């Protein structure tokens, strides 16, 4: 695996239920991509072997949020990229904490 990204999507809405609904739509989109992902309390991490595909997913997360009904969205993104592979997997990072 050569890339891992973490994205926190923050829709500009004034209601917690609306925020959750829109974030849930973004997570459903991420799930539909077929990439391995992990939902945390503040961000969702996605990993894979195509940096370009992961960047496309990051871009589309904003579009999904806007299409779900918010007028604006902010996103915080963390990226780990090693062209030759060797990026730590989600499982290796967190599995010992979730037994």
N, C-alpha and C. Protein backbone atom coordinates (compact mmCIF):
# COMPACT_ATOMS: atom_id res chain seq x y z
N UNK A 1 0.84 -1.17 0.00
CA UNK A 1 0.00 0.00 0.00
C UNK A 1 0.89 1.24 0.00
N UNK A 2 0.53 2.23 -0.83
CA UNK A 2 1.42 3.38 -0.91
C UNK A 2 0.78 4.71 -0.48
N UNK A 3 -0.50 4.68 -0.09
CA UNK A 3 -1.13 5.95 0.30
C UNK A 3 -2.21 5.73 1.35
N UNK A 4 -2.32 6.72 2.21
CA UNK A 4 -3.36 6.74 3.23
C UNK A 4 -3.76 8.20 3.40
N UNK A 5 -5.06 8.45 3.45
CA UNK A 5 -5.54 9.80 3.68
C UNK A 5 -6.58 9.78 4.79
N UNK A 6 -6.59 10.84 5.55
CA UNK A 6 -7.63 11.03 6.56
C UNK A 6 -8.34 12.33 6.21
N UNK A 7 -9.66 12.28 6.18
CA UNK A 7 -10.43 13.47 5.84
C UNK A 7 -11.50 13.74 6.89
N UNK A 8 -11.56 14.99 7.30
CA UNK A 8 -12.62 15.47 8.18
C UNK A 8 -13.43 16.46 7.35
N UNK A 9 -14.69 16.14 7.13
CA UNK A 9 -15.58 16.99 6.35
C UNK A 9 -16.46 17.77 7.32
N UNK A 10 -16.49 19.09 7.15
CA UNK A 10 -17.25 19.97 8.04
C UNK A 10 -18.26 20.78 7.24
N UNK A 11 -19.48 20.26 7.07
CA UNK A 11 -20.51 21.00 6.35
C UNK A 11 -20.89 22.27 7.12
N UNK A 12 -21.14 23.33 6.40
CA UNK A 12 -21.57 24.60 7.01
C UNK A 12 -23.08 24.57 7.19
N UNK A 13 -23.51 23.98 8.30
CA UNK A 13 -24.92 23.91 8.66
C UNK A 13 -25.07 24.30 10.12
N UNK A 14 -26.29 24.62 10.53
CA UNK A 14 -26.50 25.11 11.90
C UNK A 14 -27.19 24.10 12.79
N UNK A 15 -27.41 22.90 12.31
CA UNK A 15 -28.16 21.90 13.06
C UNK A 15 -27.32 20.62 13.13
N UNK A 16 -27.14 20.08 14.32
CA UNK A 16 -26.32 18.88 14.49
C UNK A 16 -26.87 17.70 13.70
N UNK A 17 -28.17 17.54 13.67
CA UNK A 17 -28.76 16.42 12.93
C UNK A 17 -28.49 16.55 11.43
N UNK A 18 -28.52 17.77 10.92
CA UNK A 18 -28.22 17.99 9.51
C UNK A 18 -26.74 17.71 9.23
N UNK A 19 -25.88 18.13 10.14
CA UNK A 19 -24.46 17.86 10.01
C UNK A 19 -24.21 16.35 9.95
N UNK A 20 -24.81 15.61 10.86
CA UNK A 20 -24.65 14.16 10.89
C UNK A 20 -25.18 13.53 9.61
N UNK A 21 -26.32 13.99 9.14
CA UNK A 21 -26.92 13.43 7.92
C UNK A 21 -25.98 13.61 6.73
N UNK A 22 -25.41 14.80 6.60
CA UNK A 22 -24.53 15.08 5.47
C UNK A 22 -23.22 14.29 5.59
N UNK A 23 -22.65 14.25 6.78
CA UNK A 23 -21.42 13.47 6.98
C UNK A 23 -21.68 12.00 6.70
N UNK A 24 -22.85 11.50 7.11
CA UNK A 24 -23.20 10.11 6.80
C UNK A 24 -23.25 9.86 5.29
N UNK A 25 -23.73 10.83 4.53
CA UNK A 25 -23.74 10.67 3.07
C UNK A 25 -22.32 10.63 2.51
N UNK A 26 -21.44 11.44 3.07
CA UNK A 26 -20.04 11.42 2.64
C UNK A 26 -19.42 10.06 2.97
N UNK A 27 -19.68 9.55 4.16
CA UNK A 27 -19.14 8.24 4.54
C UNK A 27 -19.70 7.14 3.64
N UNK A 28 -20.98 7.23 3.30
CA UNK A 28 -21.58 6.24 2.39
C UNK A 28 -20.87 6.30 1.03
N UNK A 29 -20.56 7.50 0.57
CA UNK A 29 -19.81 7.63 -0.69
C UNK A 29 -18.44 6.94 -0.56
N UNK A 30 -17.73 7.23 0.52
CA UNK A 30 -16.42 6.61 0.72
C UNK A 30 -16.55 5.09 0.71
N UNK A 31 -17.55 4.57 1.40
CA UNK A 31 -17.77 3.12 1.43
C UNK A 31 -18.01 2.57 0.03
N UNK A 32 -18.71 3.34 -0.80
CA UNK A 32 -19.04 2.87 -2.15
C UNK A 32 -17.83 2.77 -3.07
N UNK A 33 -16.71 3.38 -2.69
CA UNK A 33 -15.53 3.36 -3.55
C UNK A 33 -14.82 2.01 -3.55
N UNK A 34 -15.09 1.21 -2.54
CA UNK A 34 -14.44 -0.09 -2.44
C UNK A 34 -13.09 -0.07 -1.74
N UNK A 35 -12.60 1.11 -1.40
CA UNK A 35 -11.33 1.19 -0.68
C UNK A 35 -11.55 0.86 0.79
N UNK A 36 -10.49 0.37 1.43
CA UNK A 36 -10.54 0.12 2.86
C UNK A 36 -10.59 1.46 3.59
N UNK A 37 -11.50 1.58 4.56
CA UNK A 37 -11.64 2.84 5.29
C UNK A 37 -11.98 2.55 6.74
N UNK A 38 -11.79 3.56 7.57
CA UNK A 38 -12.07 3.47 9.00
C UNK A 38 -12.68 4.79 9.45
N UNK A 39 -13.86 4.71 10.05
CA UNK A 39 -14.54 5.90 10.54
C UNK A 39 -14.16 6.12 12.00
N UNK A 40 -13.60 7.28 12.27
CA UNK A 40 -13.29 7.68 13.64
C UNK A 40 -14.22 8.80 14.07
N UNK A 41 -14.10 9.27 15.30
CA UNK A 41 -15.00 10.30 15.79
C UNK A 41 -14.82 11.67 15.13
N UNK A 42 -13.65 11.92 14.56
CA UNK A 42 -13.39 13.22 13.95
C UNK A 42 -13.07 13.16 12.46
N UNK A 43 -12.66 12.00 11.97
CA UNK A 43 -12.25 11.89 10.58
C UNK A 43 -12.40 10.45 10.11
N UNK A 44 -12.36 10.30 8.81
CA UNK A 44 -12.40 8.98 8.19
C UNK A 44 -11.08 8.78 7.45
N UNK A 45 -10.47 7.63 7.67
CA UNK A 45 -9.21 7.30 7.01
C UNK A 45 -9.48 6.31 5.89
N UNK A 46 -8.83 6.54 4.75
CA UNK A 46 -8.97 5.69 3.57
C UNK A 46 -7.56 5.30 3.14
N UNK A 47 -7.38 4.03 2.73
CA UNK A 47 -6.05 3.60 2.31
C UNK A 47 -6.13 2.82 1.01
N UNK A 48 -5.02 2.85 0.26
CA UNK A 48 -4.99 2.11 -0.99
C UNK A 48 -3.69 2.26 -1.73
N UNK A 49 -3.66 1.68 -2.92
CA UNK A 49 -2.45 1.68 -3.75
C UNK A 49 -2.46 2.72 -4.86
N UNK A 50 -3.50 3.55 -4.91
CA UNK A 50 -3.55 4.58 -5.95
C UNK A 50 -3.72 5.96 -5.33
N UNK A 51 -2.61 6.67 -5.23
CA UNK A 51 -2.64 8.04 -4.69
C UNK A 51 -3.65 8.89 -5.46
N UNK A 52 -3.65 8.79 -6.78
CA UNK A 52 -4.56 9.61 -7.59
C UNK A 52 -6.02 9.29 -7.29
N UNK A 53 -6.35 8.02 -7.14
CA UNK A 53 -7.72 7.65 -6.80
C UNK A 53 -8.13 8.20 -5.43
N UNK A 54 -7.23 8.14 -4.46
CA UNK A 54 -7.55 8.67 -3.13
C UNK A 54 -7.75 10.18 -3.18
N UNK A 55 -6.95 10.87 -3.98
CA UNK A 55 -7.13 12.32 -4.11
C UNK A 55 -8.46 12.65 -4.79
N UNK A 56 -8.88 11.82 -5.72
CA UNK A 56 -10.19 11.99 -6.37
C UNK A 56 -11.31 11.80 -5.35
N UNK A 57 -11.16 10.83 -4.47
CA UNK A 57 -12.16 10.61 -3.42
C UNK A 57 -12.22 11.82 -2.50
N UNK A 58 -11.07 12.34 -2.11
CA UNK A 58 -11.03 13.54 -1.26
C UNK A 58 -11.77 14.69 -1.94
N UNK A 59 -11.50 14.89 -3.22
CA UNK A 59 -12.18 15.96 -3.97
C UNK A 59 -13.69 15.73 -3.99
N UNK A 60 -14.09 14.51 -4.27
CA UNK A 60 -15.51 14.21 -4.38
C UNK A 60 -16.26 14.30 -3.05
N UNK A 61 -15.57 14.14 -1.93
CA UNK A 61 -16.24 14.26 -0.63
C UNK A 61 -16.88 15.63 -0.47
N UNK A 62 -16.20 16.68 -0.91
CA UNK A 62 -16.77 18.03 -0.83
C UNK A 62 -18.02 18.13 -1.71
N UNK A 63 -17.93 17.58 -2.90
CA UNK A 63 -19.08 17.63 -3.83
C UNK A 63 -20.27 16.86 -3.29
N UNK A 64 -20.02 15.71 -2.67
CA UNK A 64 -21.11 14.93 -2.07
C UNK A 64 -21.78 15.74 -0.97
N UNK A 65 -20.99 16.41 -0.15
CA UNK A 65 -21.56 17.21 0.94
C UNK A 65 -22.43 18.35 0.39
N UNK A 66 -21.96 19.03 -0.63
CA UNK A 66 -22.74 20.13 -1.22
C UNK A 66 -24.00 19.58 -1.88
N UNK A 67 -23.87 18.48 -2.59
CA UNK A 67 -25.05 17.87 -3.22
C UNK A 67 -26.05 17.36 -2.20
N UNK A 68 -25.59 17.09 -0.98
CA UNK A 68 -26.48 16.64 0.08
C UNK A 68 -27.23 17.79 0.74
N UNK A 69 -26.85 19.03 0.40
CA UNK A 69 -27.65 20.15 0.88
C UNK A 69 -26.95 21.26 1.62
N UNK A 70 -25.65 21.18 1.84
CA UNK A 70 -25.01 22.31 2.51
C UNK A 70 -24.52 23.30 1.46
N UNK A 71 -24.45 24.55 1.84
CA UNK A 71 -24.05 25.60 0.89
C UNK A 71 -22.54 25.74 0.81
N UNK A 72 -21.85 25.27 1.84
CA UNK A 72 -20.38 25.34 1.88
C UNK A 72 -19.87 24.21 2.76
N UNK A 73 -18.64 23.81 2.48
CA UNK A 73 -18.04 22.73 3.26
C UNK A 73 -16.54 23.00 3.40
N UNK A 74 -16.03 22.74 4.58
CA UNK A 74 -14.59 22.78 4.82
C UNK A 74 -14.12 21.35 5.02
N UNK A 75 -12.86 21.10 4.73
CA UNK A 75 -12.30 19.77 4.94
C UNK A 75 -10.86 19.90 5.41
N UNK A 76 -10.52 19.04 6.35
CA UNK A 76 -9.14 18.92 6.80
C UNK A 76 -8.65 17.57 6.33
N UNK A 77 -7.49 17.54 5.68
CA UNK A 77 -6.99 16.32 5.07
C UNK A 77 -5.55 16.08 5.52
N UNK A 78 -5.28 14.83 5.88
CA UNK A 78 -3.91 14.38 6.17
C UNK A 78 -3.57 13.34 5.12
N UNK A 79 -2.37 13.41 4.59
CA UNK A 79 -1.95 12.50 3.53
C UNK A 79 -0.61 11.87 3.87
N UNK A 80 -0.54 10.57 3.72
CA UNK A 80 0.73 9.85 3.81
C UNK A 80 0.92 9.14 2.48
N UNK A 81 2.02 9.42 1.80
CA UNK A 81 2.27 8.86 0.48
C UNK A 81 3.71 8.38 0.40
N UNK A 82 3.87 7.10 0.08
CA UNK A 82 5.19 6.51 -0.16
C UNK A 82 5.11 5.79 -1.50
N UNK A 83 5.62 6.39 -2.55
CA UNK A 83 5.49 5.79 -3.89
C UNK A 83 5.94 4.33 -3.96
N UNK A 84 6.93 3.96 -3.18
CA UNK A 84 7.44 2.59 -3.21
C UNK A 84 6.67 1.65 -2.28
N UNK A 85 5.65 2.17 -1.59
CA UNK A 85 4.87 1.35 -0.67
C UNK A 85 5.39 1.39 0.74
N UNK A 86 4.71 0.70 1.62
CA UNK A 86 5.15 0.64 3.01
C UNK A 86 4.43 1.58 3.95
N UNK A 87 3.33 2.18 3.51
CA UNK A 87 2.55 3.03 4.41
C UNK A 87 1.91 2.13 5.47
N UNK A 88 1.96 2.54 6.71
CA UNK A 88 1.33 1.76 7.77
C UNK A 88 -0.17 1.64 7.51
N UNK A 89 -0.71 0.45 7.70
CA UNK A 89 -2.13 0.22 7.46
C UNK A 89 -2.97 0.70 8.63
N UNK A 90 -4.25 0.92 8.37
CA UNK A 90 -5.19 1.27 9.43
C UNK A 90 -5.17 0.20 10.50
N UNK A 91 -5.23 -1.06 10.07
CA UNK A 91 -5.26 -2.18 11.02
C UNK A 91 -4.05 -2.16 11.93
N UNK A 92 -2.88 -1.94 11.37
CA UNK A 92 -1.65 -1.93 12.18
C UNK A 92 -1.64 -0.77 13.17
N UNK A 93 -2.26 0.34 12.79
CA UNK A 93 -2.27 1.52 13.65
C UNK A 93 -3.26 1.40 14.80
N UNK A 94 -4.43 0.80 14.57
CA UNK A 94 -5.48 0.90 15.59
C UNK A 94 -6.04 -0.42 16.13
N UNK A 95 -5.77 -1.55 15.50
CA UNK A 95 -6.43 -2.79 15.91
C UNK A 95 -6.15 -3.15 17.37
N UNK A 96 -4.95 -2.91 17.85
CA UNK A 96 -4.64 -3.27 19.23
C UNK A 96 -5.46 -2.46 20.25
N UNK A 97 -6.01 -1.34 19.80
CA UNK A 97 -6.80 -0.49 20.70
C UNK A 97 -8.28 -0.83 20.67
N UNK A 98 -8.70 -1.74 19.81
CA UNK A 98 -10.11 -2.04 19.64
C UNK A 98 -10.43 -3.51 19.85
N UNK A 99 -9.81 -4.11 20.84
CA UNK A 99 -10.05 -5.53 21.13
C UNK A 99 -11.09 -5.68 22.22
